[in-house]
Amino acid sequence: MTTVAPTSSTASSTDTAADPQIVAAIVTALCEVVGQDLTDVTADTRLFDDLSLDSTAVLGLLMALEDALEMEVDPESLQQHHLESVGALAGFIAESR
């Protein structure tokens, strides 16, 4: 059994267990925000490094997700590591619902 030290990079360890419906909603919202089809996006796709999102795009993404998933994102509980990848964001949303 391998033990992983808790760091911000451990968010990717939950990516593979991300809810597929939430991941699909995130991909749909990302397509709307960036204005193009994103066929290669997976739970491991990094929002800033792979998709080059900026803070304005992230706000648009969160607003689109709130509408699509009929939820509200609590900005006080949202942290940088929740935005590292699609899977990390899906995990945050699953915990917030």
PDB file of N, CA and C in Angstrom:
ATOM      1  N   MET A   1       0.845  -1.176   0.000  1.00  0.00           N
ATOM      2  CA  MET A   1       0.000   0.000   0.000  1.00  0.00           C
ATOM      3  C   MET A   1       0.886   1.234   0.000  1.00  0.00           C
ATOM      4  N   THR A   2       0.603   2.153  -0.891  1.00  0.00           N
ATOM      5  CA  THR A   2       1.398   3.362  -1.019  1.00  0.00           C
ATOM      6  C   THR A   2       0.703   4.510  -0.324  1.00  0.00           C
ATOM      7  N   THR A   3       1.452   5.268   0.448  1.00  0.00           N
ATOM      8  CA  THR A   3       0.916   6.435   1.111  1.00  0.00           C
ATOM      9  C   THR A   3       1.381   7.668   0.362  1.00  0.00           C
ATOM     10  N   VAL A   4       0.456   8.564   0.112  1.00  0.00           N
ATOM     11  CA  VAL A   4       0.781   9.804  -0.595  1.00  0.00           C
ATOM     12  C   VAL A   4       0.673  10.952   0.380  1.00  0.00           C
ATOM     13  N   ALA A   5       1.723  11.751   0.439  1.00  0.00           N
ATOM     14  CA  ALA A   5       1.699  12.919   1.320  1.00  0.00           C
ATOM     15  C   ALA A   5       0.678  13.908   0.799  1.00  0.00           C
ATOM     16  N   PRO A   6      -0.116  14.510   1.686  1.00  0.00           N
ATOM     17  CA  PRO A   6      -1.140  15.458   1.234  1.00  0.00           C
ATOM     18  C   PRO A   6      -0.519  16.751   0.719  1.00  0.00           C
ATOM     19  N   THR A   7      -0.558  16.916  -0.595  1.00  0.00           N
ATOM     20  CA  THR A   7      -0.109  18.152  -1.223  1.00  0.00           C
ATOM     21  C   THR A   7      -1.147  18.559  -2.232  1.00  0.00           C
ATOM     22  N   SER A   8      -0.970  19.717  -2.810  1.00  0.00           N
ATOM     23  CA  SER A   8      -1.940  20.173  -3.799  1.00  0.00           C
ATOM     24  C   SER A   8      -1.923  19.295  -5.041  1.00  0.00           C
ATOM     25  N   SER A   9      -0.835  18.586  -5.293  1.00  0.00           N
ATOM     26  CA  SER A   9      -0.769  17.744  -6.473  1.00  0.00           C
ATOM     27  C   SER A   9      -1.547  16.444  -6.309  1.00  0.00           C
ATOM     28  N   THR A  10      -2.035  16.140  -5.113  1.00  0.00           N
ATOM     29  CA  THR A  10      -2.803  14.918  -4.921  1.00  0.00           C
ATOM     30  C   THR A  10      -4.206  15.033  -5.464  1.00  0.00           C
ATOM     31  N   ALA A  11      -4.606  16.221  -5.933  1.00  0.00           N
ATOM     32  CA  ALA A  11      -5.935  16.385  -6.514  1.00  0.00           C
ATOM     33  C   ALA A  11      -6.129  15.462  -7.702  1.00  0.00           C
ATOM     34  N   SER A  12      -5.067  15.178  -8.444  1.00  0.00           N
ATOM     35  CA  SER A  12      -5.202  14.312  -9.603  1.00  0.00           C
ATOM     36  C   SER A  12      -5.500  12.881  -9.210  1.00  0.00           C
ATOM     37  N   SER A  13      -5.219  12.477  -7.975  1.00  0.00           N
ATOM     38  CA  SER A  13      -5.521  11.116  -7.568  1.00  0.00           C
ATOM     39  C   SER A  13      -7.019  10.881  -7.474  1.00  0.00           C
ATOM     40  N   THR A  14      -7.806  11.945  -7.336  1.00  0.00           N
ATOM     41  CA  THR A  14      -9.253  11.794  -7.298  1.00  0.00           C
ATOM     42  C   THR A  14      -9.880  11.982  -8.667  1.00  0.00           C
ATOM     43  N   ASP A  15      -9.076  12.433  -9.638  1.00  0.00           N
ATOM     44  CA  ASP A  15      -9.607  12.711 -10.961  1.00  0.00           C
ATOM     45  C   ASP A  15     -10.210  11.480 -11.608  1.00  0.00           C
ATOM     46  N   THR A  16      -9.576  10.332 -11.460  1.00  0.00           N
ATOM     47  CA  THR A  16     -10.055   9.137 -12.125  1.00  0.00           C
ATOM     48  C   THR A  16     -11.363   8.653 -11.526  1.00  0.00           C
ATOM     49  N   ALA A  17     -11.685   9.079 -10.314  1.00  0.00           N
ATOM     50  CA  ALA A  17     -12.930   8.678  -9.671  1.00  0.00           C
ATOM     51  C   ALA A  17     -14.008   9.742  -9.808  1.00  0.00           C
ATOM     52  N   ALA A  18     -13.757  10.748 -10.630  1.00  0.00           N
ATOM     53  CA  ALA A  18     -14.702  11.850 -10.785  1.00  0.00           C
ATOM     54  C   ALA A  18     -16.002  11.347 -11.399  1.00  0.00           C
ATOM     55  N   ASP A  19     -17.112  11.910 -10.929  1.00  0.00           N
ATOM     56  CA  ASP A  19     -18.436  11.562 -11.430  1.00  0.00           C
ATOM     57  C   ASP A  19     -18.506  11.894 -12.927  1.00  0.00           C
ATOM     58  N   PRO A  20     -18.786  10.898 -13.773  1.00  0.00           N
ATOM     59  CA  PRO A  20     -18.803  11.149 -15.219  1.00  0.00           C
ATOM     60  C   PRO A  20     -19.844  12.184 -15.642  1.00  0.00           C
ATOM     61  N   GLN A  21     -20.956  12.277 -14.950  1.00  0.00           N
ATOM     62  CA  GLN A  21     -21.972  13.277 -15.291  1.00  0.00           C
ATOM     63  C   GLN A  21     -21.474  14.683 -15.000  1.00  0.00           C
ATOM     64  N   ILE A  22     -20.771  14.834 -13.881  1.00  0.00           N
ATOM     65  CA  ILE A  22     -20.221  16.150 -13.539  1.00  0.00           C
ATOM     66  C   ILE A  22     -19.115  16.517 -14.513  1.00  0.00           C
ATOM     67  N   VAL A  23     -18.255  15.556 -14.854  1.00  0.00           N
ATOM     68  CA  VAL A  23     -17.192  15.808 -15.823  1.00  0.00           C
ATOM     69  C   VAL A  23     -17.801  16.229 -17.159  1.00  0.00           C
ATOM     70  N   ALA A  24     -18.861  15.552 -17.594  1.00  0.00           N
ATOM     71  CA  ALA A  24     -19.525  15.907 -18.851  1.00  0.00           C
ATOM     72  C   ALA A  24     -20.092  17.322 -18.796  1.00  0.00           C
ATOM     73  N   ALA A  25     -20.672  17.699 -17.652  1.00  0.00           N
ATOM     74  CA  ALA A  25     -21.203  19.057 -17.491  1.00  0.00           C
ATOM     75  C   ALA A  25     -20.071  20.083 -17.542  1.00  0.00           C
ATOM     76  N   ILE A  26     -18.934  19.760 -16.953  1.00  0.00           N
ATOM     77  CA  ILE A  26     -17.785  20.666 -16.979  1.00  0.00           C
ATOM     78  C   ILE A  26     -17.276  20.824 -18.411  1.00  0.00           C
ATOM     79  N   VAL A  27     -17.183  19.720 -19.156  1.00  0.00           N
ATOM     80  CA  VAL A  27     -16.708  19.782 -20.537  1.00  0.00           C
ATOM     81  C   VAL A  27     -17.658  20.624 -21.389  1.00  0.00           C
ATOM     82  N   THR A  28     -18.964  20.429 -21.203  1.00  0.00           N
ATOM     83  CA  THR A  28     -19.950  21.221 -21.944  1.00  0.00           C
ATOM     84  C   THR A  28     -19.799  22.704 -21.618  1.00  0.00           C
ATOM     85  N   ALA A  29     -19.648  23.016 -20.332  1.00  0.00           N
ATOM     86  CA  ALA A  29     -19.477  24.407 -19.916  1.00  0.00           C
ATOM     87  C   ALA A  29     -18.171  24.981 -20.456  1.00  0.00           C
ATOM     88  N   LEU A  30     -17.111  24.178 -20.452  1.00  0.00           N
ATOM     89  CA  LEU A  30     -15.833  24.638 -21.001  1.00  0.00           C
ATOM     90  C   LEU A  30     -15.961  24.972 -22.482  1.00  0.00           C
ATOM     91  N   CYS A  31     -16.683  24.134 -23.230  1.00  0.00           N
ATOM     92  CA  CYS A  31     -16.892  24.389 -24.657  1.00  0.00           C
ATOM     93  C   CYS A  31     -17.597  25.727 -24.861  1.00  0.00           C
ATOM     94  N   GLU A  32     -18.578  26.018 -24.013  1.00  0.00           N
ATOM     95  CA  GLU A  32     -19.287  27.291 -24.095  1.00  0.00           C
ATOM     96  C   GLU A  32     -18.355  28.459 -23.790  1.00  0.00           C
ATOM     97  N   VAL A  33     -17.547  28.301 -22.752  1.00  0.00           N
ATOM     98  CA  VAL A  33     -16.678  29.393 -22.298  1.00  0.00           C
ATOM     99  C   VAL A  33     -15.579  29.694 -23.312  1.00  0.00           C
ATOM    100  N   VAL A  34     -14.951  28.662 -23.862  1.00  0.00           N
ATOM    101  CA  VAL A  34     -13.851  28.901 -24.799  1.00  0.00           C
ATOM    102  C   VAL A  34     -14.334  29.050 -26.235  1.00  0.00           C
ATOM    103  N   GLY A  35     -15.581  28.708 -26.493  1.00  0.00           N
ATOM    104  CA  GLY A  35     -16.158  28.892 -27.819  1.00  0.00           C
ATOM    105  C   GLY A  35     -15.689  27.909 -28.868  1.00  0.00           C
ATOM    106  N   GLN A  36     -15.309  26.707 -28.429  1.00  0.00           N
ATOM    107  CA  GLN A  36     -14.898  25.678 -29.381  1.00  0.00           C
ATOM    108  C   GLN A  36     -15.139  24.296 -28.795  1.00  0.00           C
ATOM    109  N   ASP A  37     -15.202  23.296 -29.693  1.00  0.00           N
ATOM    110  CA  ASP A  37     -15.371  21.921 -29.238  1.00  0.00           C
ATOM    111  C   ASP A  37     -14.074  21.435 -28.610  1.00  0.00           C
ATOM    112  N   LEU A  38     -14.199  20.807 -27.463  1.00  0.00           N
ATOM    113  CA  LEU A  38     -13.041  20.275 -26.749  1.00  0.00           C
ATOM    114  C   LEU A  38     -13.210  18.764 -26.633  1.00  0.00           C
ATOM    115  N   THR A  39     -12.827  18.049 -27.673  1.00  0.00           N
ATOM    116  CA  THR A  39     -13.071  16.612 -27.727  1.00  0.00           C
ATOM    117  C   THR A  39     -12.077  15.792 -26.915  1.00  0.00           C
ATOM    118  N   ASP A  40     -10.921  16.349 -26.595  1.00  0.00           N
ATOM    119  CA  ASP A  40      -9.885  15.593 -25.893  1.00  0.00           C
ATOM    120  C   ASP A  40      -9.847  15.852 -24.389  1.00  0.00           C
ATOM    121  N   VAL A  41     -10.814  16.568 -23.857  1.00  0.00           N
ATOM    122  CA  VAL A  41     -10.809  16.899 -22.434  1.00  0.00           C
ATOM    123  C   VAL A  41     -11.214  15.674 -21.610  1.00  0.00           C
ATOM    124  N   THR A  42     -10.415  15.385 -20.592  1.00  0.00           N
ATOM    125  CA  THR A  42     -10.694  14.294 -19.655  1.00  0.00           C
ATOM    126  C   THR A  42     -10.620  14.846 -18.244  1.00  0.00           C
ATOM    127  N   ALA A  43     -10.840  13.995 -17.266  1.00  0.00           N
ATOM    128  CA  ALA A  43     -10.742  14.400 -15.869  1.00  0.00           C
ATOM    129  C   ALA A  43      -9.334  14.886 -15.528  1.00  0.00           C
ATOM    130  N   ASP A  44      -8.335  14.413 -16.265  1.00  0.00           N
ATOM    131  CA  ASP A  44      -6.946  14.795 -15.999  1.00  0.00           C
ATOM    132  C   ASP A  44      -6.529  16.093 -16.682  1.00  0.00           C
ATOM    133  N   THR A  45      -7.383  16.650 -17.521  1.00  0.00           N
ATOM    134  CA  THR A  45      -7.049  17.887 -18.230  1.00  0.00           C
ATOM    135  C   THR A  45      -6.922  19.034 -17.227  1.00  0.00           C
ATOM    136  N   ARG A  46      -5.803  19.748 -17.308  1.00  0.00           N
ATOM    137  CA  ARG A  46      -5.540  20.869 -16.402  1.00  0.00           C
ATOM    138  C   ARG A  46      -6.154  22.136 -16.972  1.00  0.00           C
ATOM    139  N   LEU A  47      -6.920  22.832 -16.147  1.00  0.00           N
ATOM    140  CA  LEU A  47      -7.660  23.996 -16.618  1.00  0.00           C
ATOM    141  C   LEU A  47      -6.754  25.130 -17.065  1.00  0.00           C
ATOM    142  N   PHE A  48      -5.719  25.424 -16.314  1.00  0.00           N
ATOM    143  CA  PHE A  48      -4.849  26.547 -16.653  1.00  0.00           C
ATOM    144  C   PHE A  48      -3.733  26.128 -17.602  1.00  0.00           C
ATOM    145  N   ASP A  49      -3.076  25.015 -17.319  1.00  0.00           N
ATOM    146  CA  ASP A  49      -1.919  24.606 -18.111  1.00  0.00           C
ATOM    147  C   ASP A  49      -2.307  24.054 -19.483  1.00  0.00           C
ATOM    148  N   ASP A  50      -3.333  23.202 -19.538  1.00  0.00           N
ATOM    149  CA  ASP A  50      -3.711  22.569 -20.804  1.00  0.00           C
ATOM    150  C   ASP A  50      -4.694  23.409 -21.617  1.00  0.00           C
ATOM    151  N   LEU A  51      -5.619  24.072 -20.942  1.00  0.00           N
ATOM    152  CA  LEU A  51      -6.655  24.832 -21.641  1.00  0.00           C
ATOM    153  C   LEU A  51      -6.400  26.334 -21.654  1.00  0.00           C
ATOM    154  N   SER A  52      -5.367  26.771 -20.956  1.00  0.00           N
ATOM    155  CA  SER A  52      -4.976  28.192 -20.906  1.00  0.00           C
ATOM    156  C   SER A  52      -6.112  29.104 -20.457  1.00  0.00           C
ATOM    157  N   LEU A  53      -6.907  28.630 -19.491  1.00  0.00           N
ATOM    158  CA  LEU A  53      -7.971  29.480 -18.960  1.00  0.00           C
ATOM    159  C   LEU A  53      -7.365  30.602 -18.137  1.00  0.00           C
ATOM    160  N   ASP A  54      -8.043  31.732 -18.113  1.00  0.00           N
ATOM    161  CA  ASP A  54      -7.659  32.828 -17.235  1.00  0.00           C
ATOM    162  C   ASP A  54      -8.764  33.011 -16.198  1.00  0.00           C
ATOM    163  N   SER A  55      -8.603  33.967 -15.314  1.00  0.00           N
ATOM    164  CA  SER A  55      -9.563  34.138 -14.217  1.00  0.00           C
ATOM    165  C   SER A  55     -10.958  34.482 -14.735  1.00  0.00           C
ATOM    166  N   THR A  56     -11.038  35.237 -15.817  1.00  0.00           N
ATOM    167  CA  THR A  56     -12.342  35.583 -16.392  1.00  0.00           C
ATOM    168  C   THR A  56     -13.026  34.337 -16.942  1.00  0.00           C
ATOM    169  N   ALA A  57     -12.267  33.482 -17.606  1.00  0.00           N
ATOM    170  CA  ALA A  57     -12.831  32.238 -18.144  1.00  0.00           C
ATOM    171  C   ALA A  57     -13.294  31.320 -17.013  1.00  0.00           C
ATOM    172  N   VAL A  58     -12.544  31.293 -15.914  1.00  0.00           N
ATOM    173  CA  VAL A  58     -12.939  30.461 -14.775  1.00  0.00           C
ATOM    174  C   VAL A  58     -14.254  30.961 -14.187  1.00  0.00           C
ATOM    175  N   LEU A  59     -14.418  32.277 -14.083  1.00  0.00           N
ATOM    176  CA  LEU A  59     -15.687  32.823 -13.589  1.00  0.00           C
ATOM    177  C   LEU A  59     -16.841  32.427 -14.506  1.00  0.00           C
ATOM    178  N   GLY A  60     -16.623  32.522 -15.807  1.00  0.00           N
ATOM    179  CA  GLY A  60     -17.638  32.098 -16.770  1.00  0.00           C
ATOM    180  C   GLY A  60     -17.946  30.618 -16.643  1.00  0.00           C
ATOM    181  N   LEU A  61     -16.915  29.812 -16.438  1.00  0.00           N
ATOM    182  CA  LEU A  61     -17.091  28.374 -16.253  1.00  0.00           C
ATOM    183  C   LEU A  61     -17.931  28.081 -15.019  1.00  0.00           C
ATOM    184  N   LEU A  62     -17.610  28.725 -13.917  1.00  0.00           N
ATOM    185  CA  LEU A  62     -18.352  28.496 -12.672  1.00  0.00           C
ATOM    186  C   LEU A  62     -19.809  28.933 -12.807  1.00  0.00           C
ATOM    187  N   MET A  63     -20.046  30.055 -13.480  1.00  0.00           N
ATOM    188  CA  MET A  63     -21.422  30.516 -13.669  1.00  0.00           C
ATOM    189  C   MET A  63     -22.194  29.546 -14.566  1.00  0.00           C
ATOM    190  N   ALA A  64     -21.554  29.047 -15.615  1.00  0.00           N
ATOM    191  CA  ALA A  64     -22.205  28.081 -16.510  1.00  0.00           C
ATOM    192  C   ALA A  64     -22.521  26.789 -15.765  1.00  0.00           C
ATOM    193  N   LEU A  65     -21.616  26.368 -14.887  1.00  0.00           N
ATOM    194  CA  LEU A  65     -21.844  25.151 -14.103  1.00  0.00           C
ATOM    195  C   LEU A  65     -22.972  25.337 -13.094  1.00  0.00           C
ATOM    196  N   GLU A  66     -23.037  26.512 -12.491  1.00  0.00           N
ATOM    197  CA  GLU A  66     -24.136  26.789 -11.566  1.00  0.00           C
ATOM    198  C   GLU A  66     -25.479  26.657 -12.277  1.00  0.00           C
ATOM    199  N   ASP A  67     -25.565  27.181 -13.488  1.00  0.00           N
ATOM    200  CA  ASP A  67     -26.804  27.093 -14.261  1.00  0.00           C
ATOM    201  C   ASP A  67     -27.091  25.651 -14.684  1.00  0.00           C
ATOM    202  N   ALA A  68     -26.081  24.979 -15.219  1.00  0.00           N
ATOM    203  CA  ALA A  68     -26.265  23.630 -15.753  1.00  0.00           C
ATOM    204  C   ALA A  68     -26.596  22.612 -14.669  1.00  0.00           C
ATOM    205  N   LEU A  69     -25.974  22.766 -13.514  1.00  0.00           N
ATOM    206  CA  LEU A  69     -26.143  21.782 -12.435  1.00  0.00           C
ATOM    207  C   LEU A  69     -27.101  22.260 -11.349  1.00  0.00           C
ATOM    208  N   GLU A  70     -27.702  23.430 -11.564  1.00  0.00           N
ATOM    209  CA  GLU A  70     -28.647  24.011 -10.607  1.00  0.00           C
ATOM    210  C   GLU A  70     -28.094  23.987  -9.187  1.00  0.00           C
ATOM    211  N   MET A  71     -26.944  24.651  -9.044  1.00  0.00           N
ATOM    212  CA  MET A  71     -26.261  24.731  -7.753  1.00  0.00           C
ATOM    213  C   MET A  71     -25.605  26.090  -7.632  1.00  0.00           C
ATOM    214  N   GLU A  72     -25.105  26.387  -6.455  1.00  0.00           N
ATOM    215  CA  GLU A  72     -24.337  27.601  -6.237  1.00  0.00           C
ATOM    216  C   GLU A  72     -22.965  27.225  -5.726  1.00  0.00           C
ATOM    217  N   VAL A  73     -21.956  27.853  -6.291  1.00  0.00           N
ATOM    218  CA  VAL A  73     -20.587  27.640  -5.842  1.00  0.00           C
ATOM    219  C   VAL A  73     -20.309  28.617  -4.715  1.00  0.00           C
ATOM    220  N   ASP A  74     -19.865  28.095  -3.586  1.00  0.00           N
ATOM    221  CA  ASP A  74     -19.501  28.932  -2.455  1.00  0.00           C
ATOM    222  C   ASP A  74     -18.063  29.406  -2.653  1.00  0.00           C
ATOM    223  N   PRO A  75     -17.874  30.692  -2.960  1.00  0.00           N
ATOM    224  CA  PRO A  75     -16.514  31.172  -3.222  1.00  0.00           C
ATOM    225  C   PRO A  75     -15.589  31.051  -2.012  1.00  0.00           C
ATOM    226  N   GLU A  76     -16.145  30.997  -0.828  1.00  0.00           N
ATOM    227  CA  GLU A  76     -15.324  30.861   0.378  1.00  0.00           C
ATOM    228  C   GLU A  76     -14.683  29.472   0.475  1.00  0.00           C
ATOM    229  N   SER A  77     -15.344  28.457  -0.077  1.00  0.00           N
ATOM    230  CA  SER A  77     -14.815  27.103   0.017  1.00  0.00           C
ATOM    231  C   SER A  77     -13.998  26.700  -1.211  1.00  0.00           C
ATOM    232  N   LEU A  78     -14.057  27.479  -2.276  1.00  0.00           N
ATOM    233  CA  LEU A  78     -13.310  27.188  -3.492  1.00  0.00           C
ATOM    234  C   LEU A  78     -11.853  27.596  -3.304  1.00  0.00           C
ATOM    235  N   GLN A  79     -10.947  26.660  -3.537  1.00  0.00           N
ATOM    236  CA  GLN A  79      -9.522  26.927  -3.384  1.00  0.00           C
ATOM    237  C   GLN A  79      -8.805  26.632  -4.699  1.00  0.00           C
ATOM    238  N   GLN A  80      -7.594  27.119  -4.821  1.00  0.00           N
ATOM    239  CA  GLN A  80      -6.830  26.964  -6.060  1.00  0.00           C
ATOM    240  C   GLN A  80      -6.726  25.509  -6.498  1.00  0.00           C
ATOM    241  N   HIS A  81      -6.510  24.589  -5.573  1.00  0.00           N
ATOM    242  CA  HIS A  81      -6.335  23.187  -5.966  1.00  0.00           C
ATOM    243  C   HIS A  81      -7.612  22.593  -6.562  1.00  0.00           C
ATOM    244  N   HIS A  82      -8.771  23.184  -6.277  1.00  0.00           N
ATOM    245  CA  HIS A  82     -10.016  22.718  -6.884  1.00  0.00           C
ATOM    246  C   HIS A  82     -10.058  23.037  -8.379  1.00  0.00           C
ATOM    247  N   LEU A  83      -9.210  23.952  -8.813  1.00  0.00           N
ATOM    248  CA  LEU A  83      -9.201  24.388 -10.209  1.00  0.00           C
ATOM    249  C   LEU A  83      -7.997  23.854 -10.980  1.00  0.00           C
ATOM    250  N   GLU A  84      -7.290  22.883 -10.408  1.00  0.00           N
ATOM    251  CA  GLU A  84      -6.108  22.343 -11.086  1.00  0.00           C
ATOM    252  C   GLU A  84      -6.470  21.522 -12.312  1.00  0.00           C
ATOM    253  N   SER A  85      -7.576  20.780 -12.248  1.00  0.00           N
ATOM    254  CA  SER A  85      -7.955  19.913 -13.363  1.00  0.00           C
ATOM    255  C   SER A  85      -9.472  19.771 -13.405  1.00  0.00           C
ATOM    256  N   VAL A  86      -9.948  19.200 -14.490  1.00  0.00           N
ATOM    257  CA  VAL A  86     -11.385  18.931 -14.622  1.00  0.00           C
ATOM    258  C   VAL A  86     -11.830  18.003 -13.499  1.00  0.00           C
ATOM    259  N   GLY A  87     -11.051  16.982 -13.205  1.00  0.00           N
ATOM    260  CA  GLY A  87     -11.403  16.035 -12.148  1.00  0.00           C
ATOM    261  C   GLY A  87     -11.423  16.659 -10.765  1.00  0.00           C
ATOM    262  N   ALA A  88     -10.466  17.553 -10.502  1.00  0.00           N
ATOM    263  CA  ALA A  88     -10.437  18.240  -9.209  1.00  0.00           C
ATOM    264  C   ALA A  88     -11.668  19.122  -9.053  1.00  0.00           C
ATOM    265  N   LEU A  89     -12.052  19.807 -10.122  1.00  0.00           N
ATOM    266  CA  LEU A  89     -13.252  20.637 -10.083  1.00  0.00           C
ATOM    267  C   LEU A  89     -14.499  19.772  -9.923  1.00  0.00           C
ATOM    268  N   ALA A  90     -14.537  18.633 -10.595  1.00  0.00           N
ATOM    269  CA  ALA A  90     -15.666  17.703 -10.451  1.00  0.00           C
ATOM    270  C   ALA A  90     -15.772  17.202  -9.019  1.00  0.00           C
ATOM    271  N   GLY A  91     -14.644  16.930  -8.385  1.00  0.00           N
ATOM    272  CA  GLY A  91     -14.659  16.503  -6.984  1.00  0.00           C
ATOM    273  C   GLY A  91     -15.198  17.594  -6.075  1.00  0.00           C
ATOM    274  N   PHE A  92     -14.782  18.836  -6.323  1.00  0.00           N
ATOM    275  CA  PHE A  92     -15.281  19.965  -5.535  1.00  0.00           C
ATOM    276  C   PHE A  92     -16.798  20.096  -5.694  1.00  0.00           C
ATOM    277  N   ILE A  93     -17.264  19.998  -6.925  1.00  0.00           N
ATOM    278  CA  ILE A  93     -18.703  20.126  -7.173  1.00  0.00           C
ATOM    279  C   ILE A  93     -19.470  18.989  -6.495  1.00  0.00           C
ATOM    280  N   ALA A  94     -18.957  17.777  -6.578  1.00  0.00           N
ATOM    281  CA  ALA A  94     -19.626  16.640  -5.942  1.00  0.00           C
ATOM    282  C   ALA A  94     -19.726  16.844  -4.435  1.00  0.00           C
ATOM    283  N   GLU A  95     -18.679  17.375  -3.821  1.00  0.00           N
ATOM    284  CA  GLU A  95     -18.686  17.633  -2.386  1.00  0.00           C
ATOM    285  C   GLU A  95     -19.618  18.766  -2.020  1.00  0.00           C
ATOM    286  N   SER A  96     -19.809  19.724  -2.941  1.00  0.00           N
ATOM    287  CA  SER A  96     -20.612  20.918  -2.674  1.00  0.00           C
ATOM    288  C   SER A  96     -22.092  20.694  -2.833  1.00  0.00           C
ATOM    289  N   ARG A  97     -22.487  19.629  -3.494  1.00  0.00           N
ATOM    290  CA  ARG A  97     -23.908  19.396  -3.788  1.00  0.00           C
ATOM    291  C   ARG A  97     -24.616  18.852  -2.588  1.00  0.00           C
TER     292      ARG A  97
END
